[in-house]
Amino acid sequence: MPVIVHNDLKITVDDDGFLVNPEDWSETVARVLAAQEGVGELSEDKLDILKFMREYYRKHNFFPIVRFVCKNVHQPRNYVTEQFIDPVKAWKIAGLPNPGETVAAGKEDEDVEGI
């Protein structure tokens, strides 16, 4: 499995760049993953989104719908997409498990429907 090394931190990811062990997530890990994904700096607003996604997944064992995330972090409807470009990138940076092709395909349907 690939390992991302940043200073003294070693982050084990799968072949798609998702954390192998979601419990390894921290704000520092998120910042490294964001850099890997070309997202740039993680503002407090972005960190709030990532933390909400983690909490939602922990409670429901499913990936949150982007519009629901925006509503619950008190941001405009398309904020996640504007900040992370692709919700799958946000899931990755949030340290959520690899959604696989099924969820990624559903996300594309969601985008098309304008949810």
N, C-alpha and C. Protein backbone atom coordinates (compact mmCIF):
# COMPACT_ATOMS: atom_id res chain seq x y z
N MET A 1 0.84 -1.18 0.00
CA MET A 1 0.00 0.00 0.00
C MET A 1 0.88 1.24 0.00
N PRO A 2 0.43 2.27 -0.70
CA PRO A 2 1.21 3.52 -0.73
C PRO A 2 1.26 4.19 0.65
N VAL A 3 2.36 4.85 0.90
CA VAL A 3 2.53 5.61 2.14
C VAL A 3 2.94 7.03 1.76
N ILE A 4 2.24 7.99 2.31
CA ILE A 4 2.59 9.40 2.13
C ILE A 4 3.42 9.80 3.34
N VAL A 5 4.59 10.33 3.10
CA VAL A 5 5.46 10.76 4.19
C VAL A 5 5.49 12.29 4.21
N HIS A 6 5.19 12.84 5.38
CA HIS A 6 5.22 14.29 5.57
C HIS A 6 5.89 14.55 6.92
N ASN A 7 7.06 15.17 6.88
CA ASN A 7 7.86 15.34 8.10
C ASN A 7 8.04 13.98 8.75
N ASP A 8 7.64 13.80 9.99
CA ASP A 8 7.77 12.50 10.67
C ASP A 8 6.49 11.67 10.57
N LEU A 9 5.52 12.16 9.84
CA LEU A 9 4.21 11.52 9.73
C LEU A 9 4.17 10.58 8.53
N LYS A 10 3.74 9.34 8.76
CA LYS A 10 3.55 8.37 7.68
C LYS A 10 2.07 8.06 7.59
N ILE A 11 1.50 8.30 6.41
CA ILE A 11 0.06 8.12 6.19
C ILE A 11 -0.13 7.00 5.18
N THR A 12 -0.74 5.91 5.61
CA THR A 12 -0.99 4.78 4.72
C THR A 12 -2.32 4.98 4.01
N VAL A 13 -2.27 4.95 2.68
CA VAL A 13 -3.47 5.13 1.87
C VAL A 13 -3.61 3.95 0.92
N ASP A 14 -4.81 3.79 0.37
CA ASP A 14 -5.01 2.75 -0.64
C ASP A 14 -4.54 3.28 -1.99
N ASP A 15 -4.72 2.50 -3.02
CA ASP A 15 -4.25 2.89 -4.36
C ASP A 15 -4.96 4.13 -4.90
N ASP A 16 -6.13 4.46 -4.35
CA ASP A 16 -6.87 5.65 -4.78
C ASP A 16 -6.60 6.85 -3.88
N GLY A 17 -5.77 6.70 -2.85
CA GLY A 17 -5.42 7.80 -1.98
C GLY A 17 -6.30 7.96 -0.75
N PHE A 18 -7.17 6.99 -0.45
CA PHE A 18 -8.02 7.03 0.73
C PHE A 18 -7.27 6.40 1.91
N LEU A 19 -7.48 6.97 3.10
CA LEU A 19 -6.85 6.42 4.29
C LEU A 19 -7.23 4.95 4.45
N VAL A 20 -6.25 4.14 4.75
CA VAL A 20 -6.52 2.72 5.01
C VAL A 20 -7.20 2.58 6.38
N ASN A 21 -6.75 3.38 7.34
CA ASN A 21 -7.31 3.33 8.67
C ASN A 21 -7.90 4.71 9.00
N PRO A 22 -9.23 4.88 8.88
CA PRO A 22 -9.84 6.18 9.12
C PRO A 22 -9.55 6.77 10.50
N GLU A 23 -9.20 5.93 11.48
CA GLU A 23 -8.87 6.42 12.81
C GLU A 23 -7.54 7.18 12.82
N ASP A 24 -6.76 7.08 11.75
CA ASP A 24 -5.50 7.81 11.66
C ASP A 24 -5.71 9.28 11.31
N TRP A 25 -6.95 9.67 11.03
CA TRP A 25 -7.24 11.03 10.59
C TRP A 25 -7.00 12.04 11.69
N SER A 26 -6.47 13.16 11.31
CA SER A 26 -6.32 14.33 12.17
C SER A 26 -6.34 15.54 11.25
N GLU A 27 -6.37 16.72 11.82
CA GLU A 27 -6.32 17.91 10.97
C GLU A 27 -5.02 17.96 10.19
N THR A 28 -3.93 17.49 10.78
CA THR A 28 -2.64 17.46 10.08
C THR A 28 -2.71 16.50 8.90
N VAL A 29 -3.29 15.32 9.11
CA VAL A 29 -3.45 14.35 8.02
C VAL A 29 -4.32 14.96 6.93
N ALA A 30 -5.39 15.64 7.33
CA ALA A 30 -6.29 16.27 6.35
C ALA A 30 -5.53 17.30 5.51
N ARG A 31 -4.68 18.06 6.13
CA ARG A 31 -3.91 19.07 5.40
C ARG A 31 -2.96 18.41 4.38
N VAL A 32 -2.36 17.30 4.77
CA VAL A 32 -1.47 16.58 3.84
C VAL A 32 -2.28 16.00 2.68
N LEU A 33 -3.43 15.39 2.99
CA LEU A 33 -4.28 14.83 1.93
C LEU A 33 -4.80 15.92 1.01
N ALA A 34 -5.14 17.08 1.58
CA ALA A 34 -5.62 18.20 0.76
C ALA A 34 -4.53 18.64 -0.20
N ALA A 35 -3.31 18.71 0.27
CA ALA A 35 -2.19 19.08 -0.61
C ALA A 35 -2.02 18.06 -1.72
N GLN A 36 -2.16 16.77 -1.39
CA GLN A 36 -2.06 15.71 -2.39
C GLN A 36 -3.14 15.84 -3.45
N GLU A 37 -4.31 16.32 -3.05
CA GLU A 37 -5.45 16.45 -3.95
C GLU A 37 -5.50 17.80 -4.66
N GLY A 38 -4.55 18.67 -4.36
CA GLY A 38 -4.51 19.97 -5.00
C GLY A 38 -5.57 20.94 -4.51
N VAL A 39 -6.08 20.71 -3.30
CA VAL A 39 -7.14 21.55 -2.75
C VAL A 39 -6.58 22.83 -2.13
N GLY A 40 -5.37 22.78 -1.65
CA GLY A 40 -4.78 23.97 -1.04
C GLY A 40 -5.04 24.01 0.45
N GLU A 41 -4.94 25.21 1.00
CA GLU A 41 -5.10 25.40 2.44
C GLU A 41 -6.49 25.00 2.91
N LEU A 42 -6.56 24.44 4.11
CA LEU A 42 -7.84 24.10 4.71
C LEU A 42 -8.21 25.18 5.71
N SER A 43 -9.18 26.00 5.33
CA SER A 43 -9.69 27.04 6.22
C SER A 43 -10.53 26.38 7.32
N GLU A 44 -10.92 27.16 8.30
CA GLU A 44 -11.80 26.64 9.36
C GLU A 44 -13.12 26.15 8.77
N ASP A 45 -13.65 26.87 7.76
CA ASP A 45 -14.90 26.44 7.10
C ASP A 45 -14.73 25.06 6.47
N LYS A 46 -13.62 24.86 5.79
CA LYS A 46 -13.37 23.56 5.16
C LYS A 46 -13.20 22.47 6.21
N LEU A 47 -12.49 22.78 7.29
CA LEU A 47 -12.33 21.80 8.36
C LEU A 47 -13.67 21.46 9.00
N ASP A 48 -14.56 22.45 9.14
CA ASP A 48 -15.91 22.19 9.67
C ASP A 48 -16.65 21.21 8.77
N ILE A 49 -16.52 21.37 7.46
CA ILE A 49 -17.16 20.46 6.51
C ILE A 49 -16.61 19.05 6.70
N LEU A 50 -15.30 18.93 6.77
CA LEU A 50 -14.67 17.62 6.91
C LEU A 50 -15.09 16.94 8.21
N LYS A 51 -15.11 17.70 9.29
CA LYS A 51 -15.51 17.13 10.59
C LYS A 51 -16.97 16.70 10.56
N PHE A 52 -17.83 17.50 9.93
CA PHE A 52 -19.23 17.12 9.83
C PHE A 52 -19.38 15.82 9.04
N MET A 53 -18.64 15.73 7.91
CA MET A 53 -18.71 14.51 7.09
C MET A 53 -18.27 13.29 7.90
N ARG A 54 -17.22 13.44 8.68
CA ARG A 54 -16.74 12.32 9.50
C ARG A 54 -17.79 11.91 10.53
N GLU A 55 -18.38 12.90 11.19
CA GLU A 55 -19.39 12.61 12.21
C GLU A 55 -20.63 11.96 11.58
N TYR A 56 -21.05 12.48 10.44
CA TYR A 56 -22.21 11.92 9.74
C TYR A 56 -21.94 10.46 9.37
N TYR A 57 -20.76 10.20 8.82
CA TYR A 57 -20.43 8.83 8.42
C TYR A 57 -20.37 7.92 9.64
N ARG A 58 -19.80 8.42 10.74
CA ARG A 58 -19.71 7.62 11.96
C ARG A 58 -21.10 7.23 12.46
N LYS A 59 -22.04 8.17 12.41
CA LYS A 59 -23.39 7.90 12.91
C LYS A 59 -24.22 7.04 11.96
N HIS A 60 -24.08 7.27 10.64
CA HIS A 60 -24.99 6.64 9.67
C HIS A 60 -24.34 5.57 8.80
N ASN A 61 -23.02 5.47 8.88
CA ASN A 61 -22.28 4.50 8.07
C ASN A 61 -22.56 4.67 6.58
N PHE A 62 -22.73 5.93 6.17
CA PHE A 62 -22.95 6.25 4.77
C PHE A 62 -22.45 7.66 4.51
N PHE A 63 -22.10 7.92 3.27
CA PHE A 63 -21.57 9.22 2.87
C PHE A 63 -22.69 10.25 2.82
N PRO A 64 -22.46 11.44 3.40
CA PRO A 64 -23.51 12.46 3.40
C PRO A 64 -23.71 13.09 2.02
N ILE A 65 -24.94 13.47 1.75
CA ILE A 65 -25.27 14.19 0.52
C ILE A 65 -24.72 15.60 0.66
N VAL A 66 -24.10 16.09 -0.40
CA VAL A 66 -23.41 17.37 -0.38
C VAL A 66 -24.31 18.51 0.10
N ARG A 67 -25.51 18.59 -0.40
CA ARG A 67 -26.42 19.67 -0.01
C ARG A 67 -26.72 19.62 1.49
N PHE A 68 -26.83 18.42 2.03
CA PHE A 68 -27.09 18.24 3.46
C PHE A 68 -25.90 18.74 4.28
N VAL A 69 -24.69 18.47 3.81
CA VAL A 69 -23.49 18.95 4.48
C VAL A 69 -23.51 20.48 4.55
N CYS A 70 -23.74 21.12 3.41
CA CYS A 70 -23.74 22.59 3.35
C CYS A 70 -24.76 23.17 4.32
N LYS A 71 -25.94 22.60 4.34
CA LYS A 71 -27.00 23.10 5.22
C LYS A 71 -26.58 22.99 6.68
N ASN A 72 -25.94 21.90 7.05
CA ASN A 72 -25.60 21.66 8.44
C ASN A 72 -24.34 22.38 8.92
N VAL A 73 -23.54 22.88 8.01
CA VAL A 73 -22.39 23.70 8.41
C VAL A 73 -22.67 25.17 8.10
N HIS A 74 -23.93 25.47 7.78
CA HIS A 74 -24.40 26.83 7.55
C HIS A 74 -23.62 27.54 6.44
N GLN A 75 -23.52 26.85 5.32
CA GLN A 75 -22.84 27.39 4.15
C GLN A 75 -23.79 27.32 2.96
N PRO A 76 -23.52 28.09 1.91
CA PRO A 76 -24.36 28.04 0.71
C PRO A 76 -24.42 26.63 0.12
N ARG A 77 -25.47 26.37 -0.59
CA ARG A 77 -25.78 25.05 -1.14
C ARG A 77 -24.63 24.38 -1.89
N ASN A 78 -23.86 25.11 -2.65
CA ASN A 78 -22.79 24.51 -3.46
C ASN A 78 -21.41 24.69 -2.84
N TYR A 79 -21.36 25.00 -1.56
CA TYR A 79 -20.08 25.32 -0.92
C TYR A 79 -19.07 24.18 -0.99
N VAL A 80 -19.50 22.96 -0.74
CA VAL A 80 -18.57 21.82 -0.78
C VAL A 80 -17.97 21.70 -2.18
N THR A 81 -18.80 21.77 -3.19
CA THR A 81 -18.32 21.66 -4.56
C THR A 81 -17.38 22.81 -4.90
N GLU A 82 -17.72 24.01 -4.46
CA GLU A 82 -16.85 25.16 -4.73
C GLU A 82 -15.50 25.04 -4.04
N GLN A 83 -15.48 24.50 -2.83
CA GLN A 83 -14.26 24.44 -2.05
C GLN A 83 -13.39 23.22 -2.37
N PHE A 84 -14.02 22.10 -2.70
CA PHE A 84 -13.29 20.86 -2.91
C PHE A 84 -13.36 20.36 -4.35
N ILE A 85 -14.11 21.02 -5.20
CA ILE A 85 -14.32 20.67 -6.60
C ILE A 85 -15.16 19.41 -6.73
N ASP A 86 -14.78 18.35 -6.09
CA ASP A 86 -15.43 17.06 -6.23
C ASP A 86 -15.72 16.52 -4.82
N PRO A 87 -16.96 16.18 -4.51
CA PRO A 87 -17.27 15.65 -3.18
C PRO A 87 -16.43 14.42 -2.81
N VAL A 88 -16.04 13.62 -3.78
CA VAL A 88 -15.21 12.45 -3.47
C VAL A 88 -13.87 12.91 -2.91
N LYS A 89 -13.34 14.03 -3.40
CA LYS A 89 -12.10 14.58 -2.82
C LYS A 89 -12.33 14.96 -1.37
N ALA A 90 -13.47 15.57 -1.09
CA ALA A 90 -13.78 15.96 0.29
C ALA A 90 -13.87 14.72 1.17
N TRP A 91 -14.51 13.66 0.68
CA TRP A 91 -14.59 12.42 1.45
C TRP A 91 -13.19 11.87 1.73
N LYS A 92 -12.34 11.93 0.72
CA LYS A 92 -10.97 11.43 0.86
C LYS A 92 -10.22 12.24 1.91
N ILE A 93 -10.30 13.55 1.83
CA ILE A 93 -9.59 14.42 2.77
C ILE A 93 -10.16 14.28 4.17
N ALA A 94 -11.46 13.95 4.27
CA ALA A 94 -12.10 13.73 5.57
C ALA A 94 -11.71 12.40 6.18
N GLY A 95 -10.95 11.59 5.44
CA GLY A 95 -10.50 10.32 5.97
C GLY A 95 -11.56 9.23 5.95
N LEU A 96 -12.60 9.43 5.13
CA LEU A 96 -13.64 8.41 5.02
C LEU A 96 -13.14 7.26 4.15
N PRO A 97 -13.74 6.09 4.28
CA PRO A 97 -13.30 4.95 3.47
C PRO A 97 -13.55 5.18 1.98
N ASN A 98 -12.83 4.45 1.19
CA ASN A 98 -12.99 4.52 -0.26
C ASN A 98 -14.43 4.12 -0.61
N PRO A 99 -15.18 5.01 -1.27
CA PRO A 99 -16.58 4.70 -1.55
C PRO A 99 -16.77 3.69 -2.66
N GLY A 100 -15.72 3.41 -3.41
CA GLY A 100 -15.86 2.48 -4.51
C GLY A 100 -16.63 3.10 -5.65
N GLU A 101 -16.80 2.35 -6.69
CA GLU A 101 -17.44 2.87 -7.89
C GLU A 101 -18.93 3.10 -7.72
N THR A 102 -19.59 2.35 -6.86
CA THR A 102 -21.04 2.48 -6.69
C THR A 102 -21.41 3.85 -6.16
N VAL A 103 -20.76 4.28 -5.07
CA VAL A 103 -21.07 5.58 -4.49
C VAL A 103 -20.62 6.69 -5.42
N ALA A 104 -19.46 6.53 -6.04
CA ALA A 104 -18.97 7.56 -6.97
C ALA A 104 -19.95 7.73 -8.13
N ALA A 105 -20.51 6.64 -8.63
CA ALA A 105 -21.49 6.73 -9.71
C ALA A 105 -22.75 7.43 -9.21
N GLY A 106 -23.18 7.15 -7.98
CA GLY A 106 -24.34 7.81 -7.41
C GLY A 106 -24.11 9.29 -7.23
N LYS A 107 -22.88 9.67 -6.88
CA LYS A 107 -22.53 11.07 -6.73
C LYS A 107 -22.66 11.80 -8.05
N GLU A 108 -22.26 11.15 -9.14
CA GLU A 108 -22.40 11.77 -10.46
C GLU A 108 -23.86 11.98 -10.79
N ASP A 109 -24.72 11.01 -10.45
CA ASP A 109 -26.15 11.18 -10.68
C ASP A 109 -26.69 12.34 -9.88
N GLU A 110 -26.20 12.49 -8.63
CA GLU A 110 -26.62 13.59 -7.76
C GLU A 110 -26.26 14.92 -8.38
N ASP A 111 -25.04 15.02 -8.93
CA ASP A 111 -24.60 16.25 -9.56
C ASP A 111 -25.48 16.62 -10.75
N VAL A 112 -25.84 15.61 -11.53
CA VAL A 112 -26.65 15.84 -12.72
C VAL A 112 -28.03 16.33 -12.32
N GLU A 113 -28.58 15.77 -11.26
CA GLU A 113 -29.92 16.14 -10.84
C GLU A 113 -29.93 17.48 -10.11
N GLY A 114 -28.75 18.01 -9.78
CA GLY A 114 -28.68 19.30 -9.10
C GLY A 114 -29.06 19.26 -7.64
N ILE A 115 -28.91 18.11 -7.02
CA ILE A 115 -29.24 17.99 -5.60
C ILE A 115 -28.24 18.75 -4.79
